[in-house]
All heavy atoms as atom14 arrays in JSON, in Angstrom:
{
  "sequence": "SFSVDHTRIVPGIFTSRVDTLGDYTVTTYDIRLKLPNREPAIDVAA",
  "atom14_mask": [
    [1, 1, 1, 1, 1, 1, 0, 0, 0, 0, 0, 0, 0, 0],
    [1, 1, 1, 1, 1, 1, 1, 1, 1, 1, 1, 0, 0, 0],
    [1, 1, 1, 1, 1, 1, 0, 0, 0, 0, 0, 0, 0, 0],
    [1, 1, 1, 1, 1, 1, 1, 0, 0, 0, 0, 0, 0, 0],
    [1, 1, 1, 1, 1, 1, 1, 1, 0, 0, 0, 0, 0, 0],
    [1, 1, 1, 1, 1, 1, 1, 1, 1, 1, 0, 0, 0, 0],
    [1, 1, 1, 1, 1, 1, 1, 0, 0, 0, 0, 0, 0, 0],
    [1, 1, 1, 1, 1, 1, 1, 1, 1, 1, 1, 0, 0, 0],
    [1, 1, 1, 1, 1, 1, 1, 1, 0, 0, 0, 0, 0, 0],
    [1, 1, 1, 1, 1, 1, 1, 0, 0, 0, 0, 0, 0, 0],
    [1, 1, 1, 1, 1, 1, 1, 0, 0, 0, 0, 0, 0, 0],
    [1, 1, 1, 1, 0, 0, 0, 0, 0, 0, 0, 0, 0, 0],
    [1, 1, 1, 1, 1, 1, 1, 1, 0, 0, 0, 0, 0, 0],
    [1, 1, 1, 1, 1, 1, 1, 1, 1, 1, 1, 0, 0, 0],
    [1, 1, 1, 1, 1, 1, 1, 0, 0, 0, 0, 0, 0, 0],
    [1, 1, 1, 1, 1, 1, 0, 0, 0, 0, 0, 0, 0, 0],
    [1, 1, 1, 1, 1, 1, 1, 1, 1, 1, 1, 0, 0, 0],
    [1, 1, 1, 1, 1, 1, 1, 0, 0, 0, 0, 0, 0, 0],
    [1, 1, 1, 1, 1, 1, 1, 1, 0, 0, 0, 0, 0, 0],
    [1, 1, 1, 1, 1, 1, 1, 0, 0, 0, 0, 0, 0, 0],
    [1, 1, 1, 1, 1, 1, 1, 1, 0, 0, 0, 0, 0, 0],
    [1, 1, 1, 1, 0, 0, 0, 0, 0, 0, 0, 0, 0, 0],
    [1, 1, 1, 1, 1, 1, 1, 1, 0, 0, 0, 0, 0, 0],
    [1, 1, 1, 1, 1, 1, 1, 1, 1, 1, 1, 1, 0, 0],
    [1, 1, 1, 1, 1, 1, 1, 0, 0, 0, 0, 0, 0, 0],
    [1, 1, 1, 1, 1, 1, 1, 0, 0, 0, 0, 0, 0, 0],
    [1, 1, 1, 1, 1, 1, 1, 0, 0, 0, 0, 0, 0, 0],
    [1, 1, 1, 1, 1, 1, 1, 0, 0, 0, 0, 0, 0, 0],
    [1, 1, 1, 1, 1, 1, 1, 1, 1, 1, 1, 1, 0, 0],
    [1, 1, 1, 1, 1, 1, 1, 1, 0, 0, 0, 0, 0, 0],
    [1, 1, 1, 1, 1, 1, 1, 1, 0, 0, 0, 0, 0, 0],
    [1, 1, 1, 1, 1, 1, 1, 1, 1, 1, 1, 0, 0, 0],
    [1, 1, 1, 1, 1, 1, 1, 1, 0, 0, 0, 0, 0, 0],
    [1, 1, 1, 1, 1, 1, 1, 1, 1, 0, 0, 0, 0, 0],
    [1, 1, 1, 1, 1, 1, 1, 1, 0, 0, 0, 0, 0, 0],
    [1, 1, 1, 1, 1, 1, 1, 0, 0, 0, 0, 0, 0, 0],
    [1, 1, 1, 1, 1, 1, 1, 1, 0, 0, 0, 0, 0, 0],
    [1, 1, 1, 1, 1, 1, 1, 1, 1, 1, 1, 0, 0, 0],
    [1, 1, 1, 1, 1, 1, 1, 1, 1, 0, 0, 0, 0, 0],
    [1, 1, 1, 1, 1, 1, 1, 0, 0, 0, 0, 0, 0, 0],
    [1, 1, 1, 1, 1, 0, 0, 0, 0, 0, 0, 0, 0, 0],
    [1, 1, 1, 1, 1, 1, 1, 1, 0, 0, 0, 0, 0, 0],
    [1, 1, 1, 1, 1, 1, 1, 1, 0, 0, 0, 0, 0, 0],
    [1, 1, 1, 1, 1, 1, 1, 0, 0, 0, 0, 0, 0, 0],
    [1, 1, 1, 1, 1, 0, 0, 0, 0, 0, 0, 0, 0, 0],
    [1, 1, 1, 1, 1, 0, 0, 0, 0, 0, 0, 0, 0, 0]
  ],
  "atom14_positions": [
    [[0.82, -1.22, 0.0], [0.0, 0.0, 0.0], [0.85, 1.27, 0.0], [0.37, 2.33, -0.37], [-0.97, 0.0, 1.18], [-0.27, 0.02, 2.4], [0.0, 0.0, 0.0], [0.0, 0.0, 0.0], [0.0, 0.0, 0.0], [0.0, 0.0, 0.0], [0.0, 0.0, 0.0], [0.0, 0.0, 0.0], [0.0, 0.0, 0.0], [0.0, 0.0, 0.0]],
    [[2.11, 1.16, 0.39], [2.99, 2.33, 0.36], [3.64, 2.52, -1.01], [4.35, 3.49, -1.23], [4.09, 2.23, 1.42], [3.57, 2.28, 2.84], [4.31, 1.75, 3.87], [2.34, 2.84, 3.15], [3.86, 1.79, 5.19], [1.86, 2.88, 4.45], [2.63, 2.34, 5.46], [0.0, 0.0, 0.0], [0.0, 0.0, 0.0], [0.0, 0.0, 0.0]],
    [[3.39, 1.59, -1.94], [3.95, 1.76, -3.28], [3.0, 2.52, -4.2], [3.32, 2.78, -5.35], [4.28, 0.4, -3.9], [3.1, -0.29, -4.21], [0.0, 0.0, 0.0], [0.0, 0.0, 0.0], [0.0, 0.0, 0.0], [0.0, 0.0, 0.0], [0.0, 0.0, 0.0], [0.0, 0.0, 0.0], [0.0, 0.0, 0.0], [0.0, 0.0, 0.0]],
    [[1.83, 2.88, -3.68], [0.87, 3.67, -4.45], [1.3, 5.13, -4.38], [1.63, 5.64, -3.31], [-0.54, 3.51, -3.86], [-1.53, 4.41, -4.57], [-0.97, 2.07, -3.92], [0.0, 0.0, 0.0], [0.0, 0.0, 0.0], [0.0, 0.0, 0.0], [0.0, 0.0, 0.0], [0.0, 0.0, 0.0], [0.0, 0.0, 0.0], [0.0, 0.0, 0.0]],
    [[1.28, 5.8, -5.5], [1.66, 7.21, -5.52], [0.51, 8.05, -4.97], [-0.45, 8.34, -5.68], [2.02, 7.64, -6.95], [2.62, 9.03, -6.99], [2.43, 9.81, -6.03], [3.28, 9.35, -7.99], [0.0, 0.0, 0.0], [0.0, 0.0, 0.0], [0.0, 0.0, 0.0], [0.0, 0.0, 0.0], [0.0, 0.0, 0.0], [0.0, 0.0, 0.0]],
    [[0.6, 8.4, -3.71], [-0.46, 9.14, -3.03], [-0.58, 10.59, -3.5], [-1.53, 11.27, -3.16], [-0.25, 9.09, -1.51], [-0.62, 7.76, -0.93], [0.17, 6.64, -1.09], [-1.69, 7.36, -0.22], [-0.39, 5.61, -0.49], [-1.53, 6.02, 0.04], [0.0, 0.0, 0.0], [0.0, 0.0, 0.0], [0.0, 0.0, 0.0], [0.0, 0.0, 0.0]],
    [[0.38, 11.05, -4.29], [0.26, 12.41, -4.84], [-0.59, 12.41, -6.1], [-0.98, 13.47, -6.58], [1.65, 13.01, -5.17], [2.25, 12.26, -6.24], [2.55, 13.03, -3.94], [0.0, 0.0, 0.0], [0.0, 0.0, 0.0], [0.0, 0.0, 0.0], [0.0, 0.0, 0.0], [0.0, 0.0, 0.0], [0.0, 0.0, 0.0], [0.0, 0.0, 0.0]],
    [[-0.87, 11.21, -6.65], [-1.64, 11.13, -7.9], [-2.94, 10.36, -7.78], [-3.75, 10.36, -8.69], [-0.77, 10.47, -8.98], [0.43, 11.33, -9.34], [1.38, 10.69, -10.35], [0.74, 9.87, -11.35], [1.2, 8.68, -11.74], [2.3, 8.19, -11.22], [0.57, 7.98, -12.65], [0.0, 0.0, 0.0], [0.0, 0.0, 0.0], [0.0, 0.0, 0.0]],
    [[-3.17, 9.69, -6.66], [-4.39, 8.89, -6.51], [-5.61, 9.81, -6.42], [-5.54, 10.92, -5.88], [-4.31, 7.95, -5.29], [-5.41, 6.88, -5.36], [-4.36, 8.71, -3.98], [-5.24, 5.77, -4.36], [0.0, 0.0, 0.0], [0.0, 0.0, 0.0], [0.0, 0.0, 0.0], [0.0, 0.0, 0.0], [0.0, 0.0, 0.0], [0.0, 0.0, 0.0]],
    [[-6.7, 9.35, -6.97], [-7.97, 10.06, -6.91], [-8.95, 9.2, -6.12], [-8.72, 8.01, -5.94], [-8.53, 10.36, -8.32], [-7.59, 11.28, -9.09], [-8.81, 9.08, -9.09], [0.0, 0.0, 0.0], [0.0, 0.0, 0.0], [0.0, 0.0, 0.0], [0.0, 0.0, 0.0], [0.0, 0.0, 0.0], [0.0, 0.0, 0.0], [0.0, 0.0, 0.0]],
    [[-10.05, 9.77, -5.66], [-11.06, 8.92, -5.03], [-11.51, 7.83, -6.0], [-11.58, 8.05, -7.21], [-12.19, 9.9, -4.72], [-11.49, 11.21, -4.53], [-10.39, 11.19, -5.57], [0.0, 0.0, 0.0], [0.0, 0.0, 0.0], [0.0, 0.0, 0.0], [0.0, 0.0, 0.0], [0.0, 0.0, 0.0], [0.0, 0.0, 0.0], [0.0, 0.0, 0.0]],
    [[-11.8, 6.66, -5.46], [-12.23, 5.56, -6.31], [-12.21, 4.22, -5.6], [-12.14, 4.15, -4.37], [0.0, 0.0, 0.0], [0.0, 0.0, 0.0], [0.0, 0.0, 0.0], [0.0, 0.0, 0.0], [0.0, 0.0, 0.0], [0.0, 0.0, 0.0], [0.0, 0.0, 0.0], [0.0, 0.0, 0.0], [0.0, 0.0, 0.0], [0.0, 0.0, 0.0]],
    [[-12.25, 3.17, -6.4], [-12.3, 1.79, -5.93], [-11.12, 1.07, -6.58], [-11.09, 0.92, -7.81], [-13.62, 1.13, -6.35], [-14.82, 1.9, -5.79], [-13.66, -0.34, -5.9], [-16.15, 1.5, -6.41], [0.0, 0.0, 0.0], [0.0, 0.0, 0.0], [0.0, 0.0, 0.0], [0.0, 0.0, 0.0], [0.0, 0.0, 0.0], [0.0, 0.0, 0.0]],
    [[-10.17, 0.63, -5.77], [-8.92, 0.06, -6.31], [-8.62, -1.29, -5.66], [-8.97, -1.53, -4.52], [-7.75, 1.0, -6.01], [-7.99, 2.41, -6.43], [-8.4, 3.37, -5.52], [-7.83, 2.79, -7.76], [-8.63, 4.68, -5.92], [-8.06, 4.1, -8.16], [-8.47, 5.04, -7.24], [0.0, 0.0, 0.0], [0.0, 0.0, 0.0], [0.0, 0.0, 0.0]],
    [[-7.92, -2.14, -6.41], [-7.4, -3.36, -5.82], [-6.1, -3.0, -5.12], [-5.16, -2.55, -5.76], [-7.14, -4.44, -6.9], [-8.38, -4.75, -7.53], [-6.53, -5.68, -6.28], [0.0, 0.0, 0.0], [0.0, 0.0, 0.0], [0.0, 0.0, 0.0], [0.0, 0.0, 0.0], [0.0, 0.0, 0.0], [0.0, 0.0, 0.0], [0.0, 0.0, 0.0]],
    [[-6.07, -3.22, -3.82], [-4.87, -2.94, -3.05], [-3.92, -4.13, -3.07], [-2.72, -3.97, -3.25], [-5.24, -2.59, -1.61], [-4.1, -2.36, -0.83], [0.0, 0.0, 0.0], [0.0, 0.0, 0.0], [0.0, 0.0, 0.0], [0.0, 0.0, 0.0], [0.0, 0.0, 0.0], [0.0, 0.0, 0.0], [0.0, 0.0, 0.0], [0.0, 0.0, 0.0]],
    [[-4.47, -5.33, -2.88], [-3.64, -6.53, -2.9], [-4.52, -7.76, -3.06], [-5.69, -7.74, -2.72], [-2.77, -6.65, -1.67], [-3.53, -6.69, -0.38], [-2.67, -6.74, 0.86], [-1.97, -8.01, 0.92], [-0.76, -8.17, 1.44], [-0.12, -7.15, 1.96], [-0.18, -9.35, 1.46], [0.0, 0.0, 0.0], [0.0, 0.0, 0.0], [0.0, 0.0, 0.0]],
    [[-3.93, -8.82, -3.59], [-4.6, -10.11, -3.73], [-3.72, -11.13, -3.03], [-2.52, -11.2, -3.29], [-4.79, -10.48, -5.22], [-5.45, -11.84, -5.34], [-5.59, -9.41, -5.95], [0.0, 0.0, 0.0], [0.0, 0.0, 0.0], [0.0, 0.0, 0.0], [0.0, 0.0, 0.0], [0.0, 0.0, 0.0], [0.0, 0.0, 0.0], [0.0, 0.0, 0.0]],
    [[-4.33, -11.89, -2.14], [-3.59, -12.89, -1.37], [-4.22, -14.26, -1.54], [-5.45, -14.38, -1.53], [-3.57, -12.53, 0.12], [-2.81, -11.26, 0.39], [-1.59, -11.26, 0.22], [-3.45, -10.26, 0.77], [0.0, 0.0, 0.0], [0.0, 0.0, 0.0], [0.0, 0.0, 0.0], [0.0, 0.0, 0.0], [0.0, 0.0, 0.0], [0.0, 0.0, 0.0]],
    [[-3.39, -15.27, -1.65], [-3.86, -16.65, -1.66], [-3.51, -17.25, -0.31], [-2.35, -17.24, 0.11], [-3.21, -17.45, -2.8], [-3.52, -16.78, -4.03], [-3.73, -18.86, -2.84], [0.0, 0.0, 0.0], [0.0, 0.0, 0.0], [0.0, 0.0, 0.0], [0.0, 0.0, 0.0], [0.0, 0.0, 0.0], [0.0, 0.0, 0.0], [0.0, 0.0, 0.0]],
    [[-4.53, -17.74, 0.36], [-4.38, -18.34, 1.68], [-4.85, -19.78, 1.59], [-6.05, -20.05, 1.68], [-5.2, -17.57, 2.72], [-5.0, -16.05, 2.74], [-6.06, -15.37, 3.58], [-3.62, -15.72, 3.26], [0.0, 0.0, 0.0], [0.0, 0.0, 0.0], [0.0, 0.0, 0.0], [0.0, 0.0, 0.0], [0.0, 0.0, 0.0], [0.0, 0.0, 0.0]],
    [[-3.93, -20.68, 1.36], [-4.32, -22.07, 1.15], [-5.13, -22.19, -0.13], [-4.67, -21.82, -1.2], [0.0, 0.0, 0.0], [0.0, 0.0, 0.0], [0.0, 0.0, 0.0], [0.0, 0.0, 0.0], [0.0, 0.0, 0.0], [0.0, 0.0, 0.0], [0.0, 0.0, 0.0], [0.0, 0.0, 0.0], [0.0, 0.0, 0.0], [0.0, 0.0, 0.0]],
    [[-6.36, -22.68, 0.0], [-7.23, -22.84, -1.16], [-8.05, -21.59, -1.45], [-8.86, -21.59, -2.38], [-8.2, -24.01, -0.93], [-7.47, -25.35, -0.85], [-6.36, -25.44, -1.41], [-8.02, -26.29, -0.24], [0.0, 0.0, 0.0], [0.0, 0.0, 0.0], [0.0, 0.0, 0.0], [0.0, 0.0, 0.0], [0.0, 0.0, 0.0], [0.0, 0.0, 0.0]],
    [[-7.88, -20.54, -0.65], [-8.71, -19.35, -0.78], [-7.92, -18.17, -1.32], [-6.75, -17.99, -1.0], [-9.31, -18.96, 0.58], [-10.24, -19.99, 1.13], [-9.79, -20.93, 2.05], [-11.57, -20.05, 0.72], [-10.64, -21.9, 2.55], [-12.43, -21.01, 1.23], [-11.96, -21.94, 2.14], [-12.81, -22.9, 2.64], [0.0, 0.0, 0.0], [0.0, 0.0, 0.0]],
    [[-8.6, -17.36, -2.1], [-8.05, -16.09, -2.54], [-8.89, -14.99, -1.92], [-10.12, -15.08, -1.89], [-8.1, -15.97, -4.09], [-7.31, -17.02, -4.64], [-7.58, -14.63, -4.56], [0.0, 0.0, 0.0], [0.0, 0.0, 0.0], [0.0, 0.0, 0.0], [0.0, 0.0, 0.0], [0.0, 0.0, 0.0], [0.0, 0.0, 0.0], [0.0, 0.0, 0.0]],
    [[-8.22, -14.01, -1.37], [-8.92, -12.84, -0.83], [-8.31, -11.59, -1.46], [-7.12, -11.54, -1.76], [-8.84, -12.76, 0.71], [-9.54, -13.94, 1.37], [-7.42, -12.63, 1.2], [0.0, 0.0, 0.0], [0.0, 0.0, 0.0], [0.0, 0.0, 0.0], [0.0, 0.0, 0.0], [0.0, 0.0, 0.0], [0.0, 0.0, 0.0], [0.0, 0.0, 0.0]],
    [[-9.17, -10.6, -1.66], [-8.74, -9.35, -2.27], [-9.04, -8.21, -1.33], [-10.14, -8.11, -0.79], [-9.44, -9.12, -3.62], [-9.18, -10.25, -4.46], [-8.93, -7.86, -4.29], [0.0, 0.0, 0.0], [0.0, 0.0, 0.0], [0.0, 0.0, 0.0], [0.0, 0.0, 0.0], [0.0, 0.0, 0.0], [0.0, 0.0, 0.0], [0.0, 0.0, 0.0]],
    [[-8.03, -7.36, -1.13], [-8.2, -6.14, -0.35], [-8.4, -5.0, -1.32], [-7.59, -4.79, -2.22], [-6.96, -5.87, 0.53], [-6.73, -7.0, 1.37], [-7.15, -4.62, 1.37], [0.0, 0.0, 0.0], [0.0, 0.0, 0.0], [0.0, 0.0, 0.0], [0.0, 0.0, 0.0], [0.0, 0.0, 0.0], [0.0, 0.0, 0.0], [0.0, 0.0, 0.0]],
    [[-9.5, -4.27, -1.11], [-9.82, -3.12, -1.96], [-9.6, -1.84, -1.18], [-9.9, -1.76, 0.02], [-11.28, -3.19, -2.42], [-11.55, -4.38, -3.29], [-12.02, -5.56, -2.73], [-11.32, -4.34, -4.65], [-12.26, -6.68, -3.51], [-11.56, -5.45, -5.46], [-12.03, -6.62, -4.87], [-12.26, -7.72, -5.65], [0.0, 0.0, 0.0], [0.0, 0.0, 0.0]],
    [[-9.09, -0.85, -1.84], [-8.91, 0.5, -1.33], [-10.11, 1.29, -1.81], [-10.28, 1.51, -3.0], [-7.6, 1.05, -1.9], [-7.33, 2.51, -1.6], [-8.27, 3.3, -1.38], [-6.13, 2.88, -1.63], [0.0, 0.0, 0.0], [0.0, 0.0, 0.0], [0.0, 0.0, 0.0], [0.0, 0.0, 0.0], [0.0, 0.0, 0.0], [0.0, 0.0, 0.0]],
    [[-10.97, 1.68, -0.88], [-12.14, 2.49, -1.21], [-11.79, 3.91, -0.77], [-11.93, 4.28, 0.39], [-13.41, 1.98, -0.48], [-13.56, 0.45, -0.65], [-14.63, 2.75, -0.95], [-13.66, -0.04, -2.08], [0.0, 0.0, 0.0], [0.0, 0.0, 0.0], [0.0, 0.0, 0.0], [0.0, 0.0, 0.0], [0.0, 0.0, 0.0], [0.0, 0.0, 0.0]],
    [[-11.27, 4.68, -1.7], [-10.66, 5.98, -1.4], [-11.68, 7.1, -1.62], [-12.15, 7.32, -2.71], [-9.46, 6.19, -2.32], [-8.62, 7.39, -1.99], [-7.85, 7.22, -0.72], [-6.94, 6.08, -0.81], [-5.77, 6.01, -0.21], [-5.34, 7.0, 0.54], [-5.02, 4.93, -0.33], [0.0, 0.0, 0.0], [0.0, 0.0, 0.0], [0.0, 0.0, 0.0]],
    [[-12.0, 7.82, -0.54], [-12.99, 8.9, -0.61], [-12.36, 10.27, -0.8], [-13.02, 11.18, -1.31], [-13.83, 8.94, 0.68], [-14.97, 7.94, 0.8], [-14.47, 6.51, 0.91], [-15.84, 8.28, 1.99], [0.0, 0.0, 0.0], [0.0, 0.0, 0.0], [0.0, 0.0, 0.0], [0.0, 0.0, 0.0], [0.0, 0.0, 0.0], [0.0, 0.0, 0.0]],
    [[-11.13, 10.44, -0.36], [-10.5, 11.76, -0.36], [-9.14, 11.72, -1.05], [-8.47, 10.69, -1.08], [-10.3, 12.26, 1.08], [-11.6, 12.53, 1.81], [-12.27, 13.72, 1.2], [-13.6, 14.05, 1.82], [-14.23, 15.16, 1.14], [0.0, 0.0, 0.0], [0.0, 0.0, 0.0], [0.0, 0.0, 0.0], [0.0, 0.0, 0.0], [0.0, 0.0, 0.0]],
    [[-8.72, 12.86, -1.57], [-7.39, 13.02, -2.15], [-6.38, 13.11, -1.01], [-6.41, 14.08, -0.24], [-7.32, 14.3, -2.99], [-8.19, 14.36, -4.24], [-8.27, 15.79, -4.76], [-7.65, 13.43, -5.3], [0.0, 0.0, 0.0], [0.0, 0.0, 0.0], [0.0, 0.0, 0.0], [0.0, 0.0, 0.0], [0.0, 0.0, 0.0], [0.0, 0.0, 0.0]],
    [[-5.5, 12.14, -0.86], [-4.54, 12.19, 0.24], [-3.65, 13.42, 0.18], [-3.18, 13.8, -0.89], [-3.7, 10.92, 0.04], [-4.54, 10.03, -0.8], [-5.36, 10.94, -1.67], [0.0, 0.0, 0.0], [0.0, 0.0, 0.0], [0.0, 0.0, 0.0], [0.0, 0.0, 0.0], [0.0, 0.0, 0.0], [0.0, 0.0, 0.0], [0.0, 0.0, 0.0]],
    [[-3.47, 14.05, 1.3], [-2.57, 15.19, 1.46], [-2.97, 16.42, 0.65], [-2.25, 17.4, 0.61], [-1.13, 14.8, 1.1], [-0.66, 13.61, 1.89], [-0.75, 13.6, 3.11], [-0.17, 12.59, 1.21], [0.0, 0.0, 0.0], [0.0, 0.0, 0.0], [0.0, 0.0, 0.0], [0.0, 0.0, 0.0], [0.0, 0.0, 0.0], [0.0, 0.0, 0.0]],
    [[-4.13, 16.38, -0.01], [-4.56, 17.51, -0.82], [-5.91, 18.06, -0.41], [-6.29, 19.13, -0.84], [-4.59, 17.13, -2.3], [-3.18, 16.89, -2.85], [-3.22, 16.27, -4.22], [-3.5, 14.85, -4.04], [-3.88, 14.03, -5.0], [-4.04, 14.47, -6.21], [-4.1, 12.76, -4.76], [0.0, 0.0, 0.0], [0.0, 0.0, 0.0], [0.0, 0.0, 0.0]],
    [[-6.65, 17.32, 0.38], [-7.9, 17.81, 0.92], [-8.05, 17.25, 2.33], [-7.39, 16.26, 2.67], [-9.1, 17.48, 0.03], [-9.4, 16.03, -0.17], [-10.6, 15.81, -1.08], [-11.56, 16.59, -1.05], [-10.57, 14.84, -1.85], [0.0, 0.0, 0.0], [0.0, 0.0, 0.0], [0.0, 0.0, 0.0], [0.0, 0.0, 0.0], [0.0, 0.0, 0.0]],
    [[-8.88, 17.86, 3.14], [-8.99, 17.39, 4.53], [-9.43, 15.93, 4.61], [-10.24, 15.46, 3.8], [-10.06, 18.31, 5.13], [-10.04, 19.53, 4.27], [-9.69, 19.05, 2.89], [0.0, 0.0, 0.0], [0.0, 0.0, 0.0], [0.0, 0.0, 0.0], [0.0, 0.0, 0.0], [0.0, 0.0, 0.0], [0.0, 0.0, 0.0], [0.0, 0.0, 0.0]],
    [[-8.86, 15.23, 5.58], [-9.27, 13.85, 5.85], [-10.7, 13.85, 6.36], [-11.26, 14.89, 6.72], [-8.33, 13.24, 6.89], [0.0, 0.0, 0.0], [0.0, 0.0, 0.0], [0.0, 0.0, 0.0], [0.0, 0.0, 0.0], [0.0, 0.0, 0.0], [0.0, 0.0, 0.0], [0.0, 0.0, 0.0], [0.0, 0.0, 0.0], [0.0, 0.0, 0.0]],
    [[-11.29, 12.68, 6.39], [-12.66, 12.53, 6.87], [-12.69, 12.71, 8.38], [-11.83, 12.21, 9.1], [-13.2, 11.14, 6.48], [-13.18, 11.0, 4.94], [-14.61, 10.92, 7.02], [-13.4, 9.59, 4.46], [0.0, 0.0, 0.0], [0.0, 0.0, 0.0], [0.0, 0.0, 0.0], [0.0, 0.0, 0.0], [0.0, 0.0, 0.0], [0.0, 0.0, 0.0]],
    [[-13.68, 13.43, 8.85], [-13.89, 13.64, 10.29], [-13.92, 12.28, 11.0], [-14.56, 11.34, 10.52], [-15.22, 14.38, 10.49], [-15.6, 14.49, 11.92], [-15.05, 15.37, 12.62], [-16.44, 13.67, 12.37], [0.0, 0.0, 0.0], [0.0, 0.0, 0.0], [0.0, 0.0, 0.0], [0.0, 0.0, 0.0], [0.0, 0.0, 0.0], [0.0, 0.0, 0.0]],
    [[-13.24, 12.17, 12.12], [-13.09, 10.89, 12.81], [-14.45, 10.31, 13.22], [-14.71, 9.12, 13.02], [-12.17, 11.02, 14.05], [-12.1, 9.72, 14.82], [-10.78, 11.46, 13.63], [0.0, 0.0, 0.0], [0.0, 0.0, 0.0], [0.0, 0.0, 0.0], [0.0, 0.0, 0.0], [0.0, 0.0, 0.0], [0.0, 0.0, 0.0], [0.0, 0.0, 0.0]],
    [[-15.32, 11.12, 13.79], [-16.63, 10.63, 14.22], [-17.48, 10.19, 13.03], [-18.19, 9.18, 13.09], [-17.35, 11.7, 15.04], [0.0, 0.0, 0.0], [0.0, 0.0, 0.0], [0.0, 0.0, 0.0], [0.0, 0.0, 0.0], [0.0, 0.0, 0.0], [0.0, 0.0, 0.0], [0.0, 0.0, 0.0], [0.0, 0.0, 0.0], [0.0, 0.0, 0.0]],
    [[-17.39, 10.92, 11.93], [-18.13, 10.53, 10.71], [-17.55, 9.23, 10.15], [-18.3, 8.35, 9.7], [-18.06, 11.64, 9.68], [0.0, 0.0, 0.0], [0.0, 0.0, 0.0], [0.0, 0.0, 0.0], [0.0, 0.0, 0.0], [0.0, 0.0, 0.0], [0.0, 0.0, 0.0], [0.0, 0.0, 0.0], [0.0, 0.0, 0.0], [0.0, 0.0, 0.0]]
  ]
}
């Protein structure tokens, strides 16, 4: 996840990683709502 260029990412739905665990495959998705370091982060309570 640190190899993603956070200066160029836009909000969206991305595949972060795919892992095979024995007979199972699981996928981690990055559901990005905000532009990192370019707009305010989401309020913690929200």
